[in-house]
Amino acid sequence: MVTKASHWRSLADVRDSFRSADQVCECAVFNVLGNNYRLIVRIYYAEQTVTLYQFLTHKEYGRERWKKDCDC
């Protein structure tokens, strides 16, 4: 429920809640469960919404197929 209760305005705000967050093109990427998985989302700060794009293993993430969703 952290996401629902947050009022993020930038990646810096997201990192206050989730230190592992990184910006990759138009997406935010989170390391999950000891860096074994990646959660890839798009955050619309003005609308205060988050769209889930992918939840991948580290190996799947390395293939970089997810980048098309992030406008890379």
PDB file of N, CA and C in Angstrom:
ATOM      1  N   MET A   1       0.805  -1.196   0.000  1.00  0.00           N
ATOM      2  CA  MET A   1       0.000   0.000   0.000  1.00  0.00           C
ATOM      3  C   MET A   1       0.849   1.262   0.000  1.00  0.00           C
ATOM      4  N   VAL A   2       2.144   1.115  -0.017  1.00  0.00           N
ATOM      5  CA  VAL A   2       3.017   2.290  -0.045  1.00  0.00           C
ATOM      6  C   VAL A   2       2.730   3.137  -1.277  1.00  0.00           C
ATOM      7  N   THR A   3       2.587   2.488  -2.406  1.00  0.00           N
ATOM      8  CA  THR A   3       2.352   3.218  -3.656  1.00  0.00           C
ATOM      9  C   THR A   3       1.053   3.998  -3.604  1.00  0.00           C
ATOM     10  N   LYS A   4       0.013   3.393  -3.139  1.00  0.00           N
ATOM     11  CA  LYS A   4      -1.290   4.052  -3.091  1.00  0.00           C
ATOM     12  C   LYS A   4      -1.274   5.274  -2.166  1.00  0.00           C
ATOM     13  N   ALA A   5      -0.532   5.200  -1.094  1.00  0.00           N
ATOM     14  CA  ALA A   5      -0.497   6.292  -0.119  1.00  0.00           C
ATOM     15  C   ALA A   5       0.505   7.388  -0.482  1.00  0.00           C
ATOM     16  N   SER A   6       1.323   7.152  -1.503  1.00  0.00           N
ATOM     17  CA  SER A   6       2.381   8.100  -1.858  1.00  0.00           C
ATOM     18  C   SER A   6       1.886   9.188  -2.795  1.00  0.00           C
ATOM     19  N   HIS A   7       2.624  10.277  -2.798  1.00  0.00           N
ATOM     20  CA  HIS A   7       2.373  11.400  -3.701  1.00  0.00           C
ATOM     21  C   HIS A   7       3.697  11.770  -4.357  1.00  0.00           C
ATOM     22  N   TRP A   8       4.158  10.883  -5.237  1.00  0.00           N
ATOM     23  CA  TRP A   8       5.447  11.069  -5.875  1.00  0.00           C
ATOM     24  C   TRP A   8       5.379  12.155  -6.937  1.00  0.00           C
ATOM     25  N   ARG A   9       6.431  12.954  -6.986  1.00  0.00           N
ATOM     26  CA  ARG A   9       6.541  13.990  -8.010  1.00  0.00           C
ATOM     27  C   ARG A   9       7.749  13.771  -8.911  1.00  0.00           C
ATOM     28  N   SER A  10       8.633  12.852  -8.488  1.00  0.00           N
ATOM     29  CA  SER A  10       9.851  12.583  -9.253  1.00  0.00           C
ATOM     30  C   SER A  10      10.443  11.254  -8.798  1.00  0.00           C
ATOM     31  N   LEU A  11      11.464  10.808  -9.514  1.00  0.00           N
ATOM     32  CA  LEU A  11      12.140   9.573  -9.127  1.00  0.00           C
ATOM     33  C   LEU A  11      12.761   9.704  -7.740  1.00  0.00           C
ATOM     34  N   ALA A  12      13.206  10.887  -7.377  1.00  0.00           N
ATOM     35  CA  ALA A  12      13.770  11.088  -6.037  1.00  0.00           C
ATOM     36  C   ALA A  12      12.742  10.753  -4.961  1.00  0.00           C
ATOM     37  N   ASP A  13      11.489  11.119  -5.185  1.00  0.00           N
ATOM     38  CA  ASP A  13      10.426  10.775  -4.239  1.00  0.00           C
ATOM     39  C   ASP A  13      10.203   9.270  -4.189  1.00  0.00           C
ATOM     40  N   VAL A  14      10.241   8.626  -5.346  1.00  0.00           N
ATOM     41  CA  VAL A  14      10.075   7.166  -5.401  1.00  0.00           C
ATOM     42  C   VAL A  14      11.193   6.501  -4.606  1.00  0.00           C
ATOM     43  N   ARG A  15      12.412   6.995  -4.758  1.00  0.00           N
ATOM     44  CA  ARG A  15      13.558   6.411  -4.057  1.00  0.00           C
ATOM     45  C   ARG A  15      13.488   6.601  -2.547  1.00  0.00           C
ATOM     46  N   ASP A  16      12.741   7.584  -2.104  1.00  0.00           N
ATOM     47  CA  ASP A  16      12.531   7.716  -0.659  1.00  0.00           C
ATOM     48  C   ASP A  16      11.758   6.519  -0.124  1.00  0.00           C
ATOM     49  N   SER A  17      10.901   5.935  -0.965  1.00  0.00           N
ATOM     50  CA  SER A  17      10.115   4.754  -0.584  1.00  0.00           C
ATOM     51  C   SER A  17      10.797   3.453  -0.971  1.00  0.00           C
ATOM     52  N   PHE A  18      11.460   3.451  -2.124  1.00  0.00           N
ATOM     53  CA  PHE A  18      12.080   2.239  -2.675  1.00  0.00           C
ATOM     54  C   PHE A  18      13.476   2.591  -3.179  1.00  0.00           C
ATOM     55  N   ARG A  19      14.477   2.289  -2.401  1.00  0.00           N
ATOM     56  CA  ARG A  19      15.854   2.678  -2.744  1.00  0.00           C
ATOM     57  C   ARG A  19      16.357   2.047  -4.024  1.00  0.00           C
ATOM     58  N   SER A  20      15.815   0.908  -4.417  1.00  0.00           N
ATOM     59  CA  SER A  20      16.329   0.210  -5.601  1.00  0.00           C
ATOM     60  C   SER A  20      15.758   0.740  -6.914  1.00  0.00           C
ATOM     61  N   ALA A  21      14.918   1.747  -6.874  1.00  0.00           N
ATOM     62  CA  ALA A  21      14.291   2.261  -8.095  1.00  0.00           C
ATOM     63  C   ALA A  21      15.311   2.971  -8.983  1.00  0.00           C
ATOM     64  N   ASP A  22      15.239   2.673 -10.272  1.00  0.00           N
ATOM     65  CA  ASP A  22      16.071   3.339 -11.272  1.00  0.00           C
ATOM     66  C   ASP A  22      15.201   3.769 -12.439  1.00  0.00           C
ATOM     67  N   GLN A  23      15.563   4.866 -13.057  1.00  0.00           N
ATOM     68  CA  GLN A  23      14.871   5.334 -14.250  1.00  0.00           C
ATOM     69  C   GLN A  23      15.563   4.725 -15.462  1.00  0.00           C
ATOM     70  N   VAL A  24      14.801   4.072 -16.320  1.00  0.00           N
ATOM     71  CA  VAL A  24      15.319   3.551 -17.582  1.00  0.00           C
ATOM     72  C   VAL A  24      14.351   4.018 -18.658  1.00  0.00           C
ATOM     73  N   CYS A  25      14.809   4.959 -19.458  1.00  0.00           N
ATOM     74  CA  CYS A  25      13.963   5.610 -20.459  1.00  0.00           C
ATOM     75  C   CYS A  25      12.729   6.164 -19.763  1.00  0.00           C
ATOM     76  N   GLU A  26      11.532   5.734 -20.163  1.00  0.00           N
ATOM     77  CA  GLU A  26      10.300   6.271 -19.569  1.00  0.00           C
ATOM     78  C   GLU A  26       9.751   5.417 -18.427  1.00  0.00           C
ATOM     79  N   CYS A  27      10.522   4.428 -17.988  1.00  0.00           N
ATOM     80  CA  CYS A  27      10.048   3.507 -16.947  1.00  0.00           C
ATOM     81  C   CYS A  27      10.873   3.615 -15.673  1.00  0.00           C
ATOM     82  N   ALA A  28      10.298   3.104 -14.614  1.00  0.00           N
ATOM     83  CA  ALA A  28      11.017   2.895 -13.362  1.00  0.00           C
ATOM     84  C   ALA A  28      11.219   1.393 -13.214  1.00  0.00           C
ATOM     85  N   VAL A  29      12.416   1.014 -12.844  1.00  0.00           N
ATOM     86  CA  VAL A  29      12.763  -0.397 -12.685  1.00  0.00           C
ATOM     87  C   VAL A  29      13.166  -0.620 -11.235  1.00  0.00           C
ATOM     88  N   PHE A  30      12.557  -1.649 -10.630  1.00  0.00           N
ATOM     89  CA  PHE A  30      12.810  -1.981  -9.231  1.00  0.00           C
ATOM     90  C   PHE A  30      13.460  -3.351  -9.139  1.00  0.00           C
ATOM     91  N   ASN A  31      14.502  -3.472  -8.312  1.00  0.00           N
ATOM     92  CA  ASN A  31      15.070  -4.772  -7.987  1.00  0.00           C
ATOM     93  C   ASN A  31      14.205  -5.377  -6.894  1.00  0.00           C
ATOM     94  N   VAL A  32      13.812  -6.636  -7.089  1.00  0.00           N
ATOM     95  CA  VAL A  32      12.883  -7.286  -6.171  1.00  0.00           C
ATOM     96  C   VAL A  32      13.473  -8.612  -5.694  1.00  0.00           C
ATOM     97  N   LEU A  33      13.228  -8.943  -4.453  1.00  0.00           N
ATOM     98  CA  LEU A  33      13.632 -10.212  -3.849  1.00  0.00           C
ATOM     99  C   LEU A  33      15.118 -10.495  -4.032  1.00  0.00           C
ATOM    100  N   GLY A  34      15.920  -9.620  -3.470  1.00  0.00           N
ATOM    101  CA  GLY A  34      17.361  -9.829  -3.499  1.00  0.00           C
ATOM    102  C   GLY A  34      17.964  -9.743  -4.878  1.00  0.00           C
ATOM    103  N   ASN A  35      17.398  -8.878  -5.725  1.00  0.00           N
ATOM    104  CA  ASN A  35      17.914  -8.659  -7.070  1.00  0.00           C
ATOM    105  C   ASN A  35      17.662  -9.846  -8.002  1.00  0.00           C
ATOM    106  N   ASN A  36      16.753 -10.748  -7.637  1.00  0.00           N
ATOM    107  CA  ASN A  36      16.432 -11.896  -8.486  1.00  0.00           C
ATOM    108  C   ASN A  36      15.382 -11.569  -9.537  1.00  0.00           C
ATOM    109  N   TYR A  37      14.603 -10.521  -9.310  1.00  0.00           N
ATOM    110  CA  TYR A  37      13.530 -10.143 -10.219  1.00  0.00           C
ATOM    111  C   TYR A  37      13.573  -8.648 -10.483  1.00  0.00           C
ATOM    112  N   ARG A  38      12.924  -8.244 -11.578  1.00  0.00           N
ATOM    113  CA  ARG A  38      12.782  -6.832 -11.902  1.00  0.00           C
ATOM    114  C   ARG A  38      11.297  -6.528 -12.108  1.00  0.00           C
ATOM    115  N   LEU A  39      10.861  -5.470 -11.485  1.00  0.00           N
ATOM    116  CA  LEU A  39       9.511  -4.950 -11.661  1.00  0.00           C
ATOM    117  C   LEU A  39       9.647  -3.693 -12.509  1.00  0.00           C
ATOM    118  N   ILE A  40       8.974  -3.668 -13.642  1.00  0.00           N
ATOM    119  CA  ILE A  40       9.088  -2.547 -14.569  1.00  0.00           C
ATOM    120  C   ILE A  40       7.726  -1.872 -14.675  1.00  0.00           C
ATOM    121  N   VAL A  41       7.714  -0.598 -14.338  1.00  0.00           N
ATOM    122  CA  VAL A  41       6.463   0.171 -14.331  1.00  0.00           C
ATOM    123  C   VAL A  41       6.688   1.507 -15.027  1.00  0.00           C
ATOM    124  N   ARG A  42       5.596   2.126 -15.358  1.00  0.00           N
ATOM    125  CA  ARG A  42       5.629   3.500 -15.838  1.00  0.00           C
ATOM    126  C   ARG A  42       4.857   4.337 -14.832  1.00  0.00           C
ATOM    127  N   ILE A  43       5.477   5.393 -14.357  1.00  0.00           N
ATOM    128  CA  ILE A  43       4.861   6.247 -13.353  1.00  0.00           C
ATOM    129  C   ILE A  43       4.437   7.547 -14.023  1.00  0.00           C
ATOM    130  N   TYR A  44       3.172   7.863 -13.886  1.00  0.00           N
ATOM    131  CA  TYR A  44       2.629   9.112 -14.406  1.00  0.00           C
ATOM    132  C   TYR A  44       2.447  10.042 -13.206  1.00  0.00           C
ATOM    133  N   TYR A  45       3.447  10.874 -12.996  1.00  0.00           N
ATOM    134  CA  TYR A  45       3.492  11.695 -11.785  1.00  0.00           C
ATOM    135  C   TYR A  45       2.321  12.673 -11.709  1.00  0.00           C
ATOM    136  N   ALA A  46       1.981  13.318 -12.813  1.00  0.00           N
ATOM    137  CA  ALA A  46       0.895  14.308 -12.793  1.00  0.00           C
ATOM    138  C   ALA A  46      -0.442  13.669 -12.430  1.00  0.00           C
ATOM    139  N   GLU A  47      -0.677  12.451 -12.922  1.00  0.00           N
ATOM    140  CA  GLU A  47      -1.935  11.749 -12.656  1.00  0.00           C
ATOM    141  C   GLU A  47      -1.897  10.909 -11.394  1.00  0.00           C
ATOM    142  N   GLN A  48      -0.684  10.749 -10.835  1.00  0.00           N
ATOM    143  CA  GLN A  48      -0.489   9.923  -9.646  1.00  0.00           C
ATOM    144  C   GLN A  48      -0.951   8.483  -9.888  1.00  0.00           C
ATOM    145  N   THR A  49      -0.547   7.930 -11.048  1.00  0.00           N
ATOM    146  CA  THR A  49      -0.865   6.544 -11.384  1.00  0.00           C
ATOM    147  C   THR A  49       0.410   5.791 -11.746  1.00  0.00           C
ATOM    148  N   VAL A  50       0.348   4.489 -11.584  1.00  0.00           N
ATOM    149  CA  VAL A  50       1.453   3.599 -11.931  1.00  0.00           C
ATOM    150  C   VAL A  50       0.885   2.481 -12.782  1.00  0.00           C
ATOM    151  N   THR A  51       1.530   2.244 -13.927  1.00  0.00           N
ATOM    152  CA  THR A  51       1.122   1.164 -14.818  1.00  0.00           C
ATOM    153  C   THR A  51       2.194   0.083 -14.800  1.00  0.00           C
ATOM    154  N   LEU A  52       1.796  -1.134 -14.471  1.00  0.00           N
ATOM    155  CA  LEU A  52       2.711  -2.269 -14.446  1.00  0.00           C
ATOM    156  C   LEU A  52       2.912  -2.775 -15.869  1.00  0.00           C
ATOM    157  N   TYR A  53       4.174  -2.885 -16.279  1.00  0.00           N
ATOM    158  CA  TYR A  53       4.483  -3.419 -17.603  1.00  0.00           C
ATOM    159  C   TYR A  53       5.003  -4.842 -17.541  1.00  0.00           C
ATOM    160  N   GLN A  54       5.981  -5.097 -16.683  1.00  0.00           N
ATOM    161  CA  GLN A  54       6.606  -6.415 -16.664  1.00  0.00           C
ATOM    162  C   GLN A  54       7.052  -6.765 -15.247  1.00  0.00           C
ATOM    163  N   PHE A  55       7.029  -8.054 -14.941  1.00  0.00           N
ATOM    164  CA  PHE A  55       7.676  -8.604 -13.748  1.00  0.00           C
ATOM    165  C   PHE A  55       8.532  -9.743 -14.264  1.00  0.00           C
ATOM    166  N   LEU A  56       9.855  -9.560 -14.262  1.00  0.00           N
ATOM    167  CA  LEU A  56      10.759 -10.472 -14.955  1.00  0.00           C
ATOM    168  C   LEU A  56      11.814 -11.054 -14.026  1.00  0.00           C
ATOM    169  N   THR A  57      12.304 -12.232 -14.394  1.00  0.00           N
ATOM    170  CA  THR A  57      13.488 -12.753 -13.722  1.00  0.00           C
ATOM    171  C   THR A  57      14.684 -11.916 -14.188  1.00  0.00           C
ATOM    172  N   HIS A  58      15.770 -12.034 -13.474  1.00  0.00           N
ATOM    173  CA  HIS A  58      16.984 -11.310 -13.845  1.00  0.00           C
ATOM    174  C   HIS A  58      17.407 -11.699 -15.266  1.00  0.00           C
ATOM    175  N   LYS A  59      17.295 -12.966 -15.596  1.00  0.00           N
ATOM    176  CA  LYS A  59      17.685 -13.460 -16.925  1.00  0.00           C
ATOM    177  C   LYS A  59      16.783 -12.859 -18.010  1.00  0.00           C
ATOM    178  N   GLU A  60      15.479 -12.853 -17.788  1.00  0.00           N
ATOM    179  CA  GLU A  60      14.552 -12.273 -18.760  1.00  0.00           C
ATOM    180  C   GLU A  60      14.819 -10.774 -18.954  1.00  0.00           C
ATOM    181  N   TYR A  61      15.096 -10.095 -17.865  1.00  0.00           N
ATOM    182  CA  TYR A  61      15.394  -8.672 -17.911  1.00  0.00           C
ATOM    183  C   TYR A  61      16.618  -8.411 -18.798  1.00  0.00           C
ATOM    184  N   GLY A  62      17.605  -9.266 -18.693  1.00  0.00           N
ATOM    185  CA  GLY A  62      18.835  -9.124 -19.459  1.00  0.00           C
ATOM    186  C   GLY A  62      18.640  -9.225 -20.957  1.00  0.00           C
ATOM    187  N   ARG A  63      17.561  -9.814 -21.407  1.00  0.00           N
ATOM    188  CA  ARG A  63      17.268  -9.914 -22.846  1.00  0.00           C
ATOM    189  C   ARG A  63      16.805  -8.581 -23.436  1.00  0.00           C
ATOM    190  N   GLU A  64      16.392  -7.679 -22.571  1.00  0.00           N
ATOM    191  CA  GLU A  64      16.020  -6.308 -22.924  1.00  0.00           C
ATOM    192  C   GLU A  64      14.807  -6.174 -23.846  1.00  0.00           C
ATOM    193  N   ARG A  65      13.976  -7.180 -23.944  1.00  0.00           N
ATOM    194  CA  ARG A  65      12.754  -7.088 -24.762  1.00  0.00           C
ATOM    195  C   ARG A  65      11.752  -6.105 -24.173  1.00  0.00           C
ATOM    196  N   TRP A  66      11.840  -5.861 -22.900  1.00  0.00           N
ATOM    197  CA  TRP A  66      10.929  -4.966 -22.189  1.00  0.00           C
ATOM    198  C   TRP A  66      11.136  -3.507 -22.574  1.00  0.00           C
ATOM    199  N   LYS A  67      12.269  -3.174 -23.149  1.00  0.00           N
ATOM    200  CA  LYS A  67      12.601  -1.767 -23.427  1.00  0.00           C
ATOM    201  C   LYS A  67      11.630  -1.092 -24.393  1.00  0.00           C
ATOM    202  N   LYS A  68      11.012  -1.862 -25.275  1.00  0.00           N
ATOM    203  CA  LYS A  68      10.060  -1.254 -26.205  1.00  0.00           C
ATOM    204  C   LYS A  68       8.867  -0.631 -25.465  1.00  0.00           C
ATOM    205  N   ASP A  69       8.484  -1.217 -24.332  1.00  0.00           N
ATOM    206  CA  ASP A  69       7.393  -0.661 -23.529  1.00  0.00           C
ATOM    207  C   ASP A  69       7.778   0.659 -22.877  1.00  0.00           C
ATOM    208  N   CYS A  70       9.064   0.910 -22.765  1.00  0.00           N
ATOM    209  CA  CYS A  70       9.573   2.085 -22.060  1.00  0.00           C
ATOM    210  C   CYS A  70      10.082   3.174 -23.002  1.00  0.00           C
ATOM    211  N   ASP A  71       9.800   3.005 -24.271  1.00  0.00           N
ATOM    212  CA  ASP A  71      10.207   3.975 -25.286  1.00  0.00           C
ATOM    213  C   ASP A  71      11.715   4.187 -25.317  1.00  0.00           C
ATOM    214  N   CYS A  72      12.449   3.097 -25.175  1.00  0.00           N
ATOM    215  CA  CYS A  72      13.924   3.187 -25.258  1.00  0.00           C
ATOM    216  C   CYS A  72      14.377   3.132 -26.714  1.00  0.00           C
TER     217      CYS A  72
END
